[in-house]
């Protein structure tokens, strides 16, 4: 079984160094997961490639200007009642520039998963954002915060509605 997660961000940056706000589409990320059958019931391990497509164009504030690729892995454990926990991790390296001033990329991304479930579809958890280590700049970017949400039927289909503070 293969699953795909695609993220196409729309970004507005703060006024940095008096250059004004920047707004636009960011780089598109796509992660493909090939689900393994190796682990016992209640545990999932999936592996595959992670891609970044430089859809931000010439906007340096919202995109890298680099095609990127690397491996990814996700582990999820549902054996603890009302708690899902695990992680998503992936490494990416740039391999082709789309603009002359684009800097090469080597980043490690890890996203913790810890979702506590309550009655009637309510849940809380950490932000759906990866913590990133940039090997080129020897620096972590941490996203702190949390989300509260609910899974509820909308037109007969389960739908996730949530809000978060990051």
C-alpha atoms as a PDB file:
ATOM      1  CA  UNK A   1       0.000   0.000   0.000  1.00  0.00           C
ATOM      2  CA  UNK A   2       1.282   3.479  -0.839  1.00  0.00           C
ATOM      3  CA  UNK A   3       0.148   6.760   0.731  1.00  0.00           C
ATOM      4  CA  UNK A   4       1.066  10.269  -0.421  1.00  0.00           C
ATOM      5  CA  UNK A   5       1.121  13.522   1.583  1.00  0.00           C
ATOM      6  CA  UNK A   6       1.322  16.750  -0.465  1.00  0.00           C
ATOM      7  CA  UNK A   7       1.725  20.201   1.100  1.00  0.00           C
ATOM      8  CA  UNK A   8       1.353  23.361  -0.992  1.00  0.00           C
ATOM      9  CA  UNK A   9       1.877  26.270   1.425  1.00  0.00           C
ATOM     10  CA  UNK A  10       0.718  29.852   0.988  1.00  0.00           C
ATOM     11  CA  UNK A  11       3.051  32.044   3.046  1.00  0.00           C
ATOM     12  CA  UNK A  12       3.055  35.598   4.379  1.00  0.00           C
ATOM     13  CA  UNK A  13       6.337  36.599   6.027  1.00  0.00           C
ATOM     14  CA  UNK A  14       6.876  39.369   8.571  1.00  0.00           C
ATOM     15  CA  UNK A  15       8.738  42.557   7.659  1.00  0.00           C
ATOM     16  CA  UNK A  16      12.360  41.399   7.960  1.00  0.00           C
ATOM     17  CA  UNK A  17      15.161  43.981   7.830  1.00  0.00           C
ATOM     18  CA  UNK A  18      12.809  46.642   6.453  1.00  0.00           C
ATOM     19  CA  UNK A  19      12.193  44.687   3.238  1.00  0.00           C
ATOM     20  CA  UNK A  20       8.427  44.545   3.750  1.00  0.00           C
ATOM     21  CA  UNK A  21       6.066  41.605   3.941  1.00  0.00           C
ATOM     22  CA  UNK A  22       6.467  38.838   1.362  1.00  0.00           C
ATOM     23  CA  UNK A  23       3.471  36.780   0.294  1.00  0.00           C
ATOM     24  CA  UNK A  24       3.190  33.888  -2.113  1.00  0.00           C
ATOM     25  CA  UNK A  25       3.151  30.180  -2.728  1.00  0.00           C
ATOM     26  CA  UNK A  26       5.939  28.280  -1.010  1.00  0.00           C
ATOM     27  CA  UNK A  27       7.740  25.186  -2.207  1.00  0.00           C
ATOM     28  CA  UNK A  28       5.562  22.086  -2.615  1.00  0.00           C
ATOM     29  CA  UNK A  29       6.553  19.059  -0.557  1.00  0.00           C
ATOM     30  CA  UNK A  30       5.484  15.518  -1.370  1.00  0.00           C
ATOM     31  CA  UNK A  31       6.140  12.493   0.803  1.00  0.00           C
ATOM     32  CA  UNK A  32       5.391   8.983  -0.453  1.00  0.00           C
ATOM     33  CA  UNK A  33       4.910   6.241   2.127  1.00  0.00           C
ATOM     34  CA  UNK A  34       5.135   2.539   1.346  1.00  0.00           C
ATOM     35  CA  UNK A  35       3.441   0.850   4.307  1.00  0.00           C
ATOM     36  CA  UNK A  36       5.316  -2.201   5.590  1.00  0.00           C
ATOM     37  CA  UNK A  37       3.802  -5.333   7.110  1.00  0.00           C
ATOM     38  CA  UNK A  38       6.764  -5.941   9.449  1.00  0.00           C
ATOM     39  CA  UNK A  39       5.354  -4.805  12.804  1.00  0.00           C
ATOM     40  CA  UNK A  40       2.722  -6.307  15.126  1.00  0.00           C
ATOM     41  CA  UNK A  41      -0.915  -5.146  15.117  1.00  0.00           C
ATOM     42  CA  UNK A  42      -1.362  -1.552  16.331  1.00  0.00           C
ATOM     43  CA  UNK A  43       1.978  -0.392  14.936  1.00  0.00           C
ATOM     44  CA  UNK A  44       2.700   1.048  11.503  1.00  0.00           C
ATOM     45  CA  UNK A  45       6.052   1.641   9.817  1.00  0.00           C
ATOM     46  CA  UNK A  46       6.181   3.289   6.414  1.00  0.00           C
ATOM     47  CA  UNK A  47       9.187   4.361   4.342  1.00  0.00           C
ATOM     48  CA  UNK A  48       9.750   6.075   1.022  1.00  0.00           C
ATOM     49  CA  UNK A  49      11.027   9.196  -0.734  1.00  0.00           C
ATOM     50  CA  UNK A  50      10.453  12.830   0.242  1.00  0.00           C
ATOM     51  CA  UNK A  51      10.479  15.477  -2.509  1.00  0.00           C
ATOM     52  CA  UNK A  52      10.480  19.269  -2.590  1.00  0.00           C
ATOM     53  CA  UNK A  53       9.424  20.996  -5.790  1.00  0.00           C
ATOM     54  CA  UNK A  54      10.502  24.679  -5.991  1.00  0.00           C
ATOM     55  CA  UNK A  55       7.051  26.144  -6.742  1.00  0.00           C
ATOM     56  CA  UNK A  56       7.865  29.449  -4.976  1.00  0.00           C
ATOM     57  CA  UNK A  57       9.701  30.602  -8.100  1.00  0.00           C
ATOM     58  CA  UNK A  58      11.913  33.664  -7.588  1.00  0.00           C
ATOM     59  CA  UNK A  59      10.425  34.521  -4.176  1.00  0.00           C
ATOM     60  CA  UNK A  60      13.408  33.962  -1.850  1.00  0.00           C
ATOM     61  CA  UNK A  61      11.263  34.624   1.230  1.00  0.00           C
ATOM     62  CA  UNK A  62       8.848  31.752   0.555  1.00  0.00           C
ATOM     63  CA  UNK A  63      10.988  29.120  -1.175  1.00  0.00           C
ATOM     64  CA  UNK A  64      14.439  27.599  -1.523  1.00  0.00           C
ATOM     65  CA  UNK A  65      14.832  27.750  -5.304  1.00  0.00           C
ATOM     66  CA  UNK A  66      16.102  24.152  -5.146  1.00  0.00           C
ATOM     67  CA  UNK A  67      14.767  20.735  -6.160  1.00  0.00           C
ATOM     68  CA  UNK A  68      15.256  18.415  -3.164  1.00  0.00           C
ATOM     69  CA  UNK A  69      14.961  14.692  -2.466  1.00  0.00           C
ATOM     70  CA  UNK A  70      15.717  12.256   0.340  1.00  0.00           C
ATOM     71  CA  UNK A  71      14.413   9.335   2.426  1.00  0.00           C
ATOM     72  CA  UNK A  72      11.521   9.438   4.895  1.00  0.00           C
ATOM     73  CA  UNK A  73      10.094   7.203   7.585  1.00  0.00           C
ATOM     74  CA  UNK A  74       6.968   7.310   9.737  1.00  0.00           C
ATOM     75  CA  UNK A  75       6.225   5.188  12.790  1.00  0.00           C
ATOM     76  CA  UNK A  76       2.820   5.177  14.488  1.00  0.00           C
ATOM     77  CA  UNK A  77       1.722   3.232  17.561  1.00  0.00           C
ATOM     78  CA  UNK A  78      -1.975   2.924  18.473  1.00  0.00           C
ATOM     79  CA  UNK A  79      -1.669   0.236  21.163  1.00  0.00           C
ATOM     80  CA  UNK A  80      -2.113   2.689  24.080  1.00  0.00           C
ATOM     81  CA  UNK A  81      -5.832   3.370  24.668  1.00  0.00           C
ATOM     82  CA  UNK A  82      -6.903   6.882  23.501  1.00  0.00           C
ATOM     83  CA  UNK A  83      -3.315   7.795  22.556  1.00  0.00           C
ATOM     84  CA  UNK A  84      -1.547   7.695  19.178  1.00  0.00           C
ATOM     85  CA  UNK A  85       2.177   8.314  19.261  1.00  0.00           C
ATOM     86  CA  UNK A  86       5.154   8.119  16.949  1.00  0.00           C
ATOM     87  CA  UNK A  87       7.112  10.317  14.578  1.00  0.00           C
ATOM     88  CA  UNK A  88       7.639  11.359  10.988  1.00  0.00           C
ATOM     89  CA  UNK A  89      11.262  11.927   9.943  1.00  0.00           C
ATOM     90  CA  UNK A  90      12.898  12.794   6.648  1.00  0.00           C
ATOM     91  CA  UNK A  91      16.202  14.079   5.284  1.00  0.00           C
ATOM     92  CA  UNK A  92      16.465  16.181   2.138  1.00  0.00           C
ATOM     93  CA  UNK A  93      19.347  17.285  -0.055  1.00  0.00           C
ATOM     94  CA  UNK A  94      19.154  19.758  -2.931  1.00  0.00           C
ATOM     95  CA  UNK A  95      20.226  18.579  -6.370  1.00  0.00           C
ATOM     96  CA  UNK A  96      19.237  21.303  -8.858  1.00  0.00           C
ATOM     97  CA  UNK A  97      18.778  25.103  -8.673  1.00  0.00           C
ATOM     98  CA  UNK A  98      15.935  27.055 -10.253  1.00  0.00           C
ATOM     99  CA  UNK A  99      17.503  30.459  -9.542  1.00  0.00           C
ATOM    100  CA  UNK A 100      21.136  31.563  -9.561  1.00  0.00           C
ATOM    101  CA  UNK A 101      21.289  32.809  -5.960  1.00  0.00           C
ATOM    102  CA  UNK A 102      19.684  29.671  -4.427  1.00  0.00           C
ATOM    103  CA  UNK A 103      21.746  28.112  -1.640  1.00  0.00           C
ATOM    104  CA  UNK A 104      22.191  24.348  -1.407  1.00  0.00           C
ATOM    105  CA  UNK A 105      19.987  22.535   1.106  1.00  0.00           C
ATOM    106  CA  UNK A 106      20.626  19.720   3.591  1.00  0.00           C
ATOM    107  CA  UNK A 107      17.916  19.465   6.241  1.00  0.00           C
ATOM    108  CA  UNK A 108      16.695  16.836   8.687  1.00  0.00           C
ATOM    109  CA  UNK A 109      13.014  17.128   9.648  1.00  0.00           C
ATOM    110  CA  UNK A 110      11.378  15.339  12.560  1.00  0.00           C
ATOM    111  CA  UNK A 111       7.750  15.703  13.531  1.00  0.00           C
ATOM    112  CA  UNK A 112       6.646  14.166  16.835  1.00  0.00           C
ATOM    113  CA  UNK A 113       3.199  12.589  16.934  1.00  0.00           C
ATOM    114  CA  UNK A 114       1.356  12.412  20.264  1.00  0.00           C
ATOM    115  CA  UNK A 115      -2.406  12.701  19.942  1.00  0.00           C
ATOM    116  CA  UNK A 116      -4.593  12.285  23.039  1.00  0.00           C
ATOM    117  CA  UNK A 117      -8.189  11.343  22.138  1.00  0.00           C
ATOM    118  CA  UNK A 118     -11.287  12.238  24.161  1.00  0.00           C
ATOM    119  CA  UNK A 119     -15.005  11.516  23.818  1.00  0.00           C
ATOM    120  CA  UNK A 120     -17.091  12.612  20.794  1.00  0.00           C
ATOM    121  CA  UNK A 121     -14.063  12.858  18.456  1.00  0.00           C
ATOM    122  CA  UNK A 122     -12.147  15.581  20.361  1.00  0.00           C
ATOM    123  CA  UNK A 123      -8.353  15.455  20.611  1.00  0.00           C
ATOM    124  CA  UNK A 124      -5.236  17.474  21.541  1.00  0.00           C
ATOM    125  CA  UNK A 125      -1.665  17.163  20.277  1.00  0.00           C
ATOM    126  CA  UNK A 126       1.528  18.917  19.229  1.00  0.00           C
ATOM    127  CA  UNK A 127       1.630  21.101  16.101  1.00  0.00           C
ATOM    128  CA  UNK A 128       1.562  19.388  12.708  1.00  0.00           C
ATOM    129  CA  UNK A 129       4.901  21.016  11.885  1.00  0.00           C
ATOM    130  CA  UNK A 130       8.352  19.433  11.732  1.00  0.00           C
ATOM    131  CA  UNK A 131      11.309  20.433  13.876  1.00  0.00           C
ATOM    132  CA  UNK A 132      14.122  21.130  11.390  1.00  0.00           C
ATOM    133  CA  UNK A 133      17.893  20.816  11.650  1.00  0.00           C
ATOM    134  CA  UNK A 134      19.765  22.717   8.916  1.00  0.00           C
ATOM    135  CA  UNK A 135      23.153  21.047   8.337  1.00  0.00           C
ATOM    136  CA  UNK A 136      24.394  23.933   6.159  1.00  0.00           C
ATOM    137  CA  UNK A 137      23.871  26.510   8.933  1.00  0.00           C
ATOM    138  CA  UNK A 138      24.256  24.175  11.954  1.00  0.00           C
ATOM    139  CA  UNK A 139      20.923  25.405  13.347  1.00  0.00           C
ATOM    140  CA  UNK A 140      17.585  24.031  14.644  1.00  0.00           C
ATOM    141  CA  UNK A 141      14.213  25.618  13.824  1.00  0.00           C
ATOM    142  CA  UNK A 142      11.699  24.563  16.448  1.00  0.00           C
ATOM    143  CA  UNK A 143       7.916  24.870  16.179  1.00  0.00           C
ATOM    144  CA  UNK A 144       6.396  24.939  19.638  1.00  0.00           C
ATOM    145  CA  UNK A 145       2.695  24.947  20.413  1.00  0.00           C
ATOM    146  CA  UNK A 146      -0.292  22.661  20.158  1.00  0.00           C
ATOM    147  CA  UNK A 147      -3.604  21.884  18.497  1.00  0.00           C
ATOM    148  CA  UNK A 148      -7.112  21.067  19.622  1.00  0.00           C
ATOM    149  CA  UNK A 149      -9.516  19.484  17.204  1.00  0.00           C
ATOM    150  CA  UNK A 150     -12.399  17.206  16.465  1.00  0.00           C
ATOM    151  CA  UNK A 151     -13.118  14.521  13.904  1.00  0.00           C
ATOM    152  CA  UNK A 152     -16.788  14.779  12.940  1.00  0.00           C
ATOM    153  CA  UNK A 153     -18.930  13.739   9.978  1.00  0.00           C
ATOM    154  CA  UNK A 154     -19.478  16.382   7.289  1.00  0.00           C
ATOM    155  CA  UNK A 155     -21.795  15.260   4.475  1.00  0.00           C
ATOM    156  CA  UNK A 156     -21.362  11.711   5.768  1.00  0.00           C
ATOM    157  CA  UNK A 157     -17.532  11.764   5.528  1.00  0.00           C
ATOM    158  CA  UNK A 158     -15.181  11.927   8.548  1.00  0.00           C
ATOM    159  CA  UNK A 159     -13.653  15.411   8.605  1.00  0.00           C
ATOM    160  CA  UNK A 160     -10.895  16.795  10.809  1.00  0.00           C
ATOM    161  CA  UNK A 161     -11.430  20.350  12.067  1.00  0.00           C
ATOM    162  CA  UNK A 162      -8.730  21.860  14.257  1.00  0.00           C
ATOM    163  CA  UNK A 163      -7.066  25.034  15.467  1.00  0.00           C
ATOM    164  CA  UNK A 164      -3.518  25.472  16.647  1.00  0.00           C
ATOM    165  CA  UNK A 165      -1.106  27.920  18.207  1.00  0.00           C
ATOM    166  CA  UNK A 166       2.498  27.773  17.032  1.00  0.00           C
END
